[in-house]
C-alpha atoms as a PDB file:
ATOM      1  CA  MET A   1      49.236  13.900   3.245  1.00  0.00           C
ATOM      2  CA  LYS A   2      46.062  15.359   1.705  1.00  0.00           C
ATOM      3  CA  LYS A   3      46.667  13.422  -1.517  1.00  0.00           C
ATOM      4  CA  LEU A   4      47.178  10.222   0.489  1.00  0.00           C
ATOM      5  CA  TYR A   5      43.923  10.815   2.394  1.00  0.00           C
ATOM      6  CA  LEU A   6      41.976  11.350  -0.827  1.00  0.00           C
ATOM      7  CA  ALA A   7      43.538   8.262  -2.362  1.00  0.00           C
ATOM      8  CA  LEU A   8      42.487   6.172   0.651  1.00  0.00           C
ATOM      9  CA  ILE A   9      38.918   7.471   0.473  1.00  0.00           C
ATOM     10  CA  SER A  10      38.806   6.684  -3.239  1.00  0.00           C
ATOM     11  CA  LEU A  11      40.149   3.172  -2.604  1.00  0.00           C
ATOM     12  CA  ILE A  12      37.559   2.501   0.109  1.00  0.00           C
ATOM     13  CA  MET A  13      34.712   3.648  -2.113  1.00  0.00           C
ATOM     14  CA  MET A  14      35.949   1.554  -5.040  1.00  0.00           C
ATOM     15  CA  SER A  15      36.243  -1.521  -2.824  1.00  0.00           C
ATOM     16  CA  GLY A  16      32.617  -1.269  -1.769  1.00  0.00           C
ATOM     17  CA  ILE A  17      33.432  -0.914   1.943  1.00  0.00           C
ATOM     18  CA  VAL A  18      31.322   2.227   2.212  1.00  0.00           C
ATOM     19  CA  LYS A  19      27.835   1.030   3.067  1.00  0.00           C
ATOM     20  CA  ALA A  20      24.724   2.671   1.662  1.00  0.00           C
ATOM     21  CA  GLU A  21      22.374   4.379   4.092  1.00  0.00           C
ATOM     22  CA  THR A  22      19.252   2.451   4.996  1.00  0.00           C
ATOM     23  CA  VAL A  23      15.773   3.938   4.763  1.00  0.00           C
ATOM     24  CA  GLU A  24      13.288   2.528   7.286  1.00  0.00           C
ATOM     25  CA  LEU A  25       9.988   1.705   5.580  1.00  0.00           C
ATOM     26  CA  VAL A  26       6.689   0.458   6.964  1.00  0.00           C
ATOM     27  CA  THR A  27       3.616  -0.957   5.296  1.00  0.00           C
ATOM     28  CA  LEU A  28       1.029  -3.696   5.815  1.00  0.00           C
ATOM     29  CA  GLN A  29       0.506  -7.270   4.677  1.00  0.00           C
ATOM     30  CA  TYR A  30      -1.141  -6.539   1.326  1.00  0.00           C
ATOM     31  CA  PRO A  31      -0.542  -9.256  -1.288  1.00  0.00           C
ATOM     32  CA  PRO A  32       0.305  -9.178  -4.126  1.00  0.00           C
ATOM     33  CA  TYR A  33       1.770  -5.705  -3.477  1.00  0.00           C
ATOM     34  CA  GLN A  34       3.671  -6.521  -0.283  1.00  0.00           C
ATOM     35  CA  TYR A  35       3.736  -9.683   1.806  1.00  0.00           C
ATOM     36  CA  GLN A  36       5.923 -11.870   3.998  1.00  0.00           C
ATOM     37  CA  GLU A  37       7.414 -14.966   2.350  1.00  0.00           C
ATOM     38  CA  GLU A  38       9.322 -16.900   5.029  1.00  0.00           C
ATOM     39  CA  ASP A  39      11.804 -14.310   6.377  1.00  0.00           C
ATOM     40  CA  GLU A  40      11.645 -11.959   3.389  1.00  0.00           C
ATOM     41  CA  VAL A  41       9.258  -9.138   2.496  1.00  0.00           C
ATOM     42  CA  GLN A  42       8.312  -9.533  -1.155  1.00  0.00           C
ATOM     43  CA  GLY A  43       5.736  -8.296  -3.644  1.00  0.00           C
ATOM     44  CA  LEU A  44       5.094  -6.162  -6.688  1.00  0.00           C
ATOM     45  CA  VAL A  45       5.360  -2.797  -4.953  1.00  0.00           C
ATOM     46  CA  VAL A  46       8.224  -3.989  -2.744  1.00  0.00           C
ATOM     47  CA  ASN A  47      10.261  -4.722  -5.881  1.00  0.00           C
ATOM     48  CA  ILE A  48       9.500  -1.291  -7.342  1.00  0.00           C
ATOM     49  CA  VAL A  49      10.312   0.535  -4.100  1.00  0.00           C
ATOM     50  CA  ASN A  50      13.555  -1.382  -3.572  1.00  0.00           C
ATOM     51  CA  GLU A  51      14.716  -0.630  -7.114  1.00  0.00           C
ATOM     52  CA  ALA A  52      13.878   3.079  -6.840  1.00  0.00           C
ATOM     53  CA  PHE A  53      15.861   3.420  -3.613  1.00  0.00           C
ATOM     54  CA  ARG A  54      18.727   1.390  -5.097  1.00  0.00           C
ATOM     55  CA  ARG A  55      18.924   3.983  -7.869  1.00  0.00           C
ATOM     56  CA  VAL A  56      19.355   6.773  -5.328  1.00  0.00           C
ATOM     57  CA  GLY A  57      22.025   4.803  -3.468  1.00  0.00           C
ATOM     58  CA  MET A  58      20.015   3.612  -0.480  1.00  0.00           C
ATOM     59  CA  ASP A  59      19.229   0.249   1.070  1.00  0.00           C
ATOM     60  CA  THR A  60      15.798  -0.502   2.511  1.00  0.00           C
ATOM     61  CA  ASN A  61      14.515  -2.144   5.664  1.00  0.00           C
ATOM     62  CA  ILE A  62      10.808  -2.930   5.274  1.00  0.00           C
ATOM     63  CA  ARG A  63       8.555  -3.896   8.174  1.00  0.00           C
ATOM     64  CA  LEU A  64       5.009  -5.206   7.868  1.00  0.00           C
ATOM     65  CA  ASN A  65       2.668  -4.079  10.634  1.00  0.00           C
ATOM     66  CA  ALA A  66      -1.014  -3.590  11.234  1.00  0.00           C
ATOM     67  CA  TRP A  67      -1.824  -0.441   9.235  1.00  0.00           C
ATOM     68  CA  PRO A  68      -2.616   1.751  12.288  1.00  0.00           C
ATOM     69  CA  ARG A  69       0.795   0.842  13.732  1.00  0.00           C
ATOM     70  CA  SER A  70       2.583   1.740  10.488  1.00  0.00           C
ATOM     71  CA  LEU A  71       0.787   5.088  10.341  1.00  0.00           C
ATOM     72  CA  GLU A  72       1.759   5.845  13.928  1.00  0.00           C
ATOM     73  CA  MET A  73       5.402   4.994  13.222  1.00  0.00           C
ATOM     74  CA  VAL A  74       5.680   7.559  10.409  1.00  0.00           C
ATOM     75  CA  ARG A  75       3.628  10.072  12.382  1.00  0.00           C
ATOM     76  CA  SER A  76       6.072   9.844  15.302  1.00  0.00           C
ATOM     77  CA  GLY A  77       9.217   9.570  13.172  1.00  0.00           C
ATOM     78  CA  GLN A  78      10.016   5.966  14.171  1.00  0.00           C
ATOM     79  CA  ALA A  79       9.951   5.127  10.449  1.00  0.00           C
ATOM     80  CA  ASP A  80      11.069   7.196   7.468  1.00  0.00           C
ATOM     81  CA  ALA A  81       8.292   6.402   5.004  1.00  0.00           C
ATOM     82  CA  ILE A  82       5.141   4.371   4.428  1.00  0.00           C
ATOM     83  CA  PHE A  83       3.596   2.711   1.370  1.00  0.00           C
ATOM     84  CA  THR A  84       1.094   2.048  -0.290  1.00  0.00           C
ATOM     85  CA  ALA A  85      -0.790   4.996   1.189  1.00  0.00           C
ATOM     86  CA  TYR A  86      -3.845   6.758  -0.160  1.00  0.00           C
ATOM     87  CA  LYS A  87      -3.740  10.532   0.106  1.00  0.00           C
ATOM     88  CA  THR A  88      -6.082  12.044   2.692  1.00  0.00           C
ATOM     89  CA  PRO A  89      -6.140  15.535   4.275  1.00  0.00           C
ATOM     90  CA  GLU A  90      -5.532  14.030   7.722  1.00  0.00           C
ATOM     91  CA  ARG A  91      -2.448  12.132   6.591  1.00  0.00           C
ATOM     92  CA  GLU A  92      -1.019  15.109   4.706  1.00  0.00           C
ATOM     93  CA  GLU A  93      -0.640  16.823   8.078  1.00  0.00           C
ATOM     94  CA  PHE A  94       2.202  14.460   9.008  1.00  0.00           C
ATOM     95  CA  LEU A  95       3.377  13.040   5.660  1.00  0.00           C
ATOM     96  CA  HIS A  96       5.282  14.375   2.634  1.00  0.00           C
ATOM     97  CA  TYR A  97       3.589  12.489  -0.198  1.00  0.00           C
ATOM     98  CA  SER A  98       5.414  11.498  -3.353  1.00  0.00           C
ATOM     99  CA  ASN A  99       4.382  13.558  -6.377  1.00  0.00           C
ATOM    100  CA  VAL A 100       4.405  10.431  -8.551  1.00  0.00           C
ATOM    101  CA  VAL A 101       1.748   7.733  -8.187  1.00  0.00           C
ATOM    102  CA  LEU A 102       3.391   4.549  -6.932  1.00  0.00           C
ATOM    103  CA  MET A 103       0.509   2.168  -7.734  1.00  0.00           C
ATOM    104  CA  PRO A 104      -3.088   2.820  -8.895  1.00  0.00           C
ATOM    105  CA  GLN A 105      -5.596   0.617  -7.065  1.00  0.00           C
ATOM    106  CA  GLU A 106      -9.160  -0.374  -7.946  1.00  0.00           C
ATOM    107  CA  ILE A 107     -11.596  -0.309  -5.021  1.00  0.00           C
ATOM    108  CA  VAL A 108     -14.449  -2.799  -5.335  1.00  0.00           C
ATOM    109  CA  LEU A 109     -17.129  -4.599  -3.334  1.00  0.00           C
ATOM    110  CA  PHE A 110     -17.315  -8.370  -2.872  1.00  0.00           C
ATOM    111  CA  ALA A 111     -20.264 -10.519  -1.806  1.00  0.00           C
ATOM    112  CA  LYS A 112     -20.813 -14.247  -1.356  1.00  0.00           C
ATOM    113  CA  LYS A 113     -21.652 -16.069  -4.586  1.00  0.00           C
ATOM    114  CA  ASP A 114     -25.261 -16.671  -3.522  1.00  0.00           C
ATOM    115  CA  SER A 115     -25.874 -13.095  -2.326  1.00  0.00           C
ATOM    116  CA  ASN A 116     -28.827 -11.263  -3.855  1.00  0.00           C
ATOM    117  CA  ILE A 117     -27.316  -7.839  -3.161  1.00  0.00           C
ATOM    118  CA  SER A 118     -26.913  -5.788  -6.329  1.00  0.00           C
ATOM    119  CA  PHE A 119     -24.929  -2.606  -6.929  1.00  0.00           C
ATOM    120  CA  ASN A 120     -25.260  -0.072  -9.727  1.00  0.00           C
ATOM    121  CA  GLY A 121     -22.734   2.447  -8.456  1.00  0.00           C
ATOM    122  CA  ASP A 122     -25.142   4.216  -6.085  1.00  0.00           C
ATOM    123  CA  LEU A 123     -23.710   3.908  -2.570  1.00  0.00           C
ATOM    124  CA  THR A 124     -26.929   5.167  -0.970  1.00  0.00           C
ATOM    125  CA  ALA A 125     -28.514   1.824  -1.875  1.00  0.00           C
ATOM    126  CA  LEU A 126     -26.088   0.171   0.561  1.00  0.00           C
ATOM    127  CA  ALA A 127     -27.068   2.291   3.562  1.00  0.00           C
ATOM    128  CA  ASN A 128     -28.464  -0.660   5.535  1.00  0.00           C
ATOM    129  CA  VAL A 129     -26.078  -3.338   4.264  1.00  0.00           C
ATOM    130  CA  LYS A 130     -23.419  -4.629   6.667  1.00  0.00           C
ATOM    131  CA  ILE A 131     -20.052  -3.730   5.112  1.00  0.00           C
ATOM    132  CA  GLY A 132     -16.692  -5.019   6.323  1.00  0.00           C
ATOM    133  CA  VAL A 133     -13.753  -2.614   6.499  1.00  0.00           C
ATOM    134  CA  VAL A 134     -10.249  -2.680   7.957  1.00  0.00           C
ATOM    135  CA  ARG A 135      -9.670  -0.120  10.697  1.00  0.00           C
ATOM    136  CA  ASP A 136      -7.791   3.047   9.639  1.00  0.00           C
ATOM    137  CA  ILE A 137      -7.687   1.981   5.979  1.00  0.00           C
ATOM    138  CA  SER A 138      -8.741   4.599   3.427  1.00  0.00           C
ATOM    139  CA  TYR A 139     -10.845   3.309   0.547  1.00  0.00           C
ATOM    140  CA  GLY A 140     -10.612   6.471  -1.517  1.00  0.00           C
ATOM    141  CA  SER A 141     -12.516   9.733  -1.285  1.00  0.00           C
ATOM    142  CA  THR A 142     -15.801   8.378  -2.680  1.00  0.00           C
ATOM    143  CA  PHE A 143     -16.347   5.755   0.023  1.00  0.00           C
ATOM    144  CA  ASP A 144     -14.525   7.635   2.796  1.00  0.00           C
ATOM    145  CA  GLU A 145     -16.684  10.749   2.410  1.00  0.00           C
ATOM    146  CA  ALA A 146     -19.898   8.725   2.271  1.00  0.00           C
ATOM    147  CA  ARG A 147     -18.896   6.925   5.452  1.00  0.00           C
ATOM    148  CA  LYS A 148     -17.844  10.145   7.181  1.00  0.00           C
ATOM    149  CA  ASN A 149     -21.239  11.655   6.376  1.00  0.00           C
ATOM    150  CA  GLY A 150     -23.017   8.732   8.040  1.00  0.00           C
ATOM    151  CA  MET A 151     -24.384   7.082   4.914  1.00  0.00           C
ATOM    152  CA  PHE A 152     -23.702   3.528   6.119  1.00  0.00           C
ATOM    153  CA  LYS A 153     -25.571   2.287   9.170  1.00  0.00           C
ATOM    154  CA  GLN A 154     -23.744  -1.027   9.600  1.00  0.00           C
ATOM    155  CA  ILE A 155     -19.968  -0.871   9.337  1.00  0.00           C
ATOM    156  CA  SER A 156     -18.008  -3.815  10.736  1.00  0.00           C
ATOM    157  CA  GLU A 157     -14.341  -3.062  11.504  1.00  0.00           C
ATOM    158  CA  THR A 158     -11.449  -5.511  11.779  1.00  0.00           C
ATOM    159  CA  THR A 159      -7.715  -5.023  12.232  1.00  0.00           C
ATOM    160  CA  ASN A 160      -6.749  -6.779   8.982  1.00  0.00           C
ATOM    161  CA  LEU A 161      -8.158  -8.011   5.679  1.00  0.00           C
ATOM    162  CA  GLU A 162      -7.958 -11.689   6.605  1.00  0.00           C
ATOM    163  CA  GLN A 163     -10.395 -11.141   9.472  1.00  0.00           C
ATOM    164  CA  SER A 164     -12.805  -9.292   7.182  1.00  0.00           C
ATOM    165  CA  VAL A 165     -12.669 -12.037   4.540  1.00  0.00           C
ATOM    166  CA  LYS A 166     -13.441 -14.669   7.171  1.00  0.00           C
ATOM    167  CA  LYS A 167     -16.403 -12.571   8.326  1.00  0.00           C
ATOM    168  CA  LEU A 168     -17.707 -12.456   4.761  1.00  0.00           C
ATOM    169  CA  GLU A 169     -17.278 -16.210   4.348  1.00  0.00           C
ATOM    170  CA  SER A 170     -19.141 -16.923   7.601  1.00  0.00           C
ATOM    171  CA  GLY A 171     -21.976 -14.530   6.773  1.00  0.00           C
ATOM    172  CA  ARG A 172     -21.245 -12.055   9.573  1.00  0.00           C
ATOM    173  CA  ILE A 173     -21.015  -9.258   6.992  1.00  0.00           C
ATOM    174  CA  ASP A 174     -22.861  -8.816   3.699  1.00  0.00           C
ATOM    175  CA  LEU A 175     -20.170  -7.044   1.686  1.00  0.00           C
ATOM    176  CA  LEU A 176     -16.428  -6.551   1.795  1.00  0.00           C
ATOM    177  CA  ILE A 177     -14.761  -3.435   0.401  1.00  0.00           C
ATOM    178  CA  SER A 178     -11.150  -3.820  -0.688  1.00  0.00           C
ATOM    179  CA  ASN A 179      -8.508  -3.276  -3.276  1.00  0.00           C
ATOM    180  CA  LYS A 180      -9.503  -5.783  -5.962  1.00  0.00           C
ATOM    181  CA  TYR A 181      -6.262  -7.694  -6.447  1.00  0.00           C
ATOM    182  CA  THR A 182      -5.387  -7.766  -2.759  1.00  0.00           C
ATOM    183  CA  ALA A 183      -8.755  -9.332  -1.976  1.00  0.00           C
ATOM    184  CA  LEU A 184      -8.403 -11.902  -4.767  1.00  0.00           C
ATOM    185  CA  ALA A 185      -4.973 -12.892  -3.464  1.00  0.00           C
ATOM    186  CA  MET A 186      -6.355 -13.218   0.066  1.00  0.00           C
ATOM    187  CA  PHE A 187      -9.283 -15.371  -1.115  1.00  0.00           C
ATOM    188  CA  LYS A 188      -6.811 -17.730  -2.775  1.00  0.00           C
ATOM    189  CA  ASN A 189      -4.469 -17.867   0.222  1.00  0.00           C
ATOM    190  CA  LEU A 190      -7.354 -18.708   2.578  1.00  0.00           C
ATOM    191  CA  GLY A 191      -8.786 -21.392   0.304  1.00  0.00           C
ATOM    192  CA  PHE A 192     -11.882 -19.331  -0.540  1.00  0.00           C
ATOM    193  CA  ALA A 193     -11.239 -18.869  -4.278  1.00  0.00           C
ATOM    194  CA  GLY A 194     -14.504 -19.015  -6.222  1.00  0.00           C
ATOM    195  CA  GLN A 195     -16.716 -18.431  -3.174  1.00  0.00           C
ATOM    196  CA  PHE A 196     -17.210 -14.692  -3.709  1.00  0.00           C
ATOM    197  CA  LYS A 197     -18.291 -12.428  -6.534  1.00  0.00           C
ATOM    198  CA  GLU A 198     -17.221  -8.905  -7.410  1.00  0.00           C
ATOM    199  CA  LEU A 199     -19.990  -6.323  -7.624  1.00  0.00           C
ATOM    200  CA  THR A 200     -19.673  -3.922 -10.523  1.00  0.00           C
ATOM    201  CA  PRO A 201     -19.030  -1.138 -11.227  1.00  0.00           C
ATOM    202  CA  SER A 202     -15.968  -0.480  -9.082  1.00  0.00           C
ATOM    203  CA  ILE A 203     -16.306   2.268  -6.494  1.00  0.00           C
ATOM    204  CA  GLN A 204     -13.173   4.176  -7.488  1.00  0.00           C
ATOM    205  CA  SER A 205      -9.716   3.844  -8.975  1.00  0.00           C
ATOM    206  CA  VAL A 206      -7.456   5.330  -6.323  1.00  0.00           C
ATOM    207  CA  PRO A 207      -3.789   6.341  -6.643  1.00  0.00           C
ATOM    208  CA  SER A 208      -1.520   5.106  -3.859  1.00  0.00           C
ATOM    209  CA  TYR A 209       1.830   6.594  -2.927  1.00  0.00           C
ATOM    210  CA  ILE A 210       4.930   6.332  -0.827  1.00  0.00           C
ATOM    211  CA  ALA A 211       4.891   9.105   1.790  1.00  0.00           C
ATOM    212  CA  PHE A 212       7.688  10.379   4.035  1.00  0.00           C
ATOM    213  CA  SER A 213       7.510  11.361   7.692  1.00  0.00           C
ATOM    214  CA  LYS A 214       7.379  15.104   8.360  1.00  0.00           C
ATOM    215  CA  LYS A 215       9.087  14.416  11.696  1.00  0.00           C
ATOM    216  CA  LYS A 216      12.277  14.082   9.662  1.00  0.00           C
ATOM    217  CA  ASP A 217      13.798  16.311   6.989  1.00  0.00           C
ATOM    218  CA  LEU A 218      12.998  13.930   4.125  1.00  0.00           C
ATOM    219  CA  ALA A 219      11.424  16.126   1.448  1.00  0.00           C
ATOM    220  CA  GLY A 220      14.714  15.945  -0.449  1.00  0.00           C
ATOM    221  CA  LEU A 221      14.716  12.153  -0.304  1.00  0.00           C
ATOM    222  CA  ARG A 222      11.127  12.191  -1.520  1.00  0.00           C
ATOM    223  CA  ASP A 223      12.184  14.217  -4.545  1.00  0.00           C
ATOM    224  CA  LYS A 224      15.061  11.819  -5.296  1.00  0.00           C
ATOM    225  CA  PHE A 225      12.670   8.866  -5.043  1.00  0.00           C
ATOM    226  CA  ASP A 226      10.273  10.597  -7.443  1.00  0.00           C
ATOM    227  CA  GLY A 227      13.096  11.075  -9.924  1.00  0.00           C
ATOM    228  CA  ALA A 228      14.060   7.404  -9.736  1.00  0.00           C
ATOM    229  CA  LEU A 229      10.438   6.276 -10.108  1.00  0.00           C
ATOM    230  CA  LYS A 230       9.964   8.489 -13.176  1.00  0.00           C
ATOM    231  CA  GLU A 231      13.160   7.037 -14.629  1.00  0.00           C
ATOM    232  CA  MET A 232      11.837   3.502 -14.090  1.00  0.00           C
ATOM    233  CA  MET A 233       8.604   4.395 -15.861  1.00  0.00           C
ATOM    234  CA  SER A 234      10.571   5.841 -18.779  1.00  0.00           C
ATOM    235  CA  ASP A 235      13.059   2.999 -19.222  1.00  0.00           C
ATOM    236  CA  GLY A 236      10.459   0.219 -19.071  1.00  0.00           C
ATOM    237  CA  SER A 237      11.554  -1.385 -15.798  1.00  0.00           C
ATOM    238  CA  TYR A 238       8.348  -0.329 -13.983  1.00  0.00           C
ATOM    239  CA  ASP A 239       6.231  -2.126 -16.596  1.00  0.00           C
ATOM    240  CA  LYS A 240       8.448  -5.210 -16.324  1.00  0.00           C
ATOM    241  CA  TYR A 241       7.656  -5.459 -12.620  1.00  0.00           C
ATOM    242  CA  LEU A 242       3.939  -5.130 -13.397  1.00  0.00           C
ATOM    243  CA  SER A 243       4.150  -7.857 -16.044  1.00  0.00           C
ATOM    244  CA  ALA A 244       5.824 -10.240 -13.604  1.00  0.00           C
ATOM    245  CA  TYR A 245       2.723 -10.150 -11.389  1.00  0.00           C
ATOM    246  CA  SER A 246       0.049 -10.196 -14.087  1.00  0.00           C
ATOM    247  CA  ASP A 247      -1.695 -13.386 -15.156  1.00  0.00           C
END
């Protein structure tokens, strides 16, 4: 009887009837990294994340929300993990961060083409400039600390990047801070390509991660994901995904 039972289990596994577990992931609309295309969530980082979980034998269910909502879902344990998250002390209280950088991101400032605002890397020069930000988004330690210390007198918050871009286009803010490639993709999608200029130098190059909810016992899954991501970086598949989204 025992041999028959084992044979049946083996047959089921070989036939593919056993279904992989599904990890519940949350993020935000953040092209080209993650975005909704009809009924499917796509993007550069989505492809990398899906492949890494496939290698550890798991399916994914990815939901795009406003960023504050996604953070709350992993904080409360409604979701298993979140990406692409910057590492902050506040978030580390409720998240197990990956030990491998998922995607480095360049944080820059944008202005309208005809703006006379200049930037030489000194954030204090922007103290009285109206800067658009998305609520609950981290822009890396350099900007976040300056903002926390009250350096900027005119911060304009929105709930998503599209709203901030429209504010910049209409002149309701002077500058927009954002991940460079996400902003460029948004400009194009909204029909604003060529209307803005990037101020240099960049503010910071910031590593972003996948991070797992501490409400669940997922540190082990985090470690498996890290192993798969390292493997992808070693075998060239990570770079292939990057190349697919480069000009």
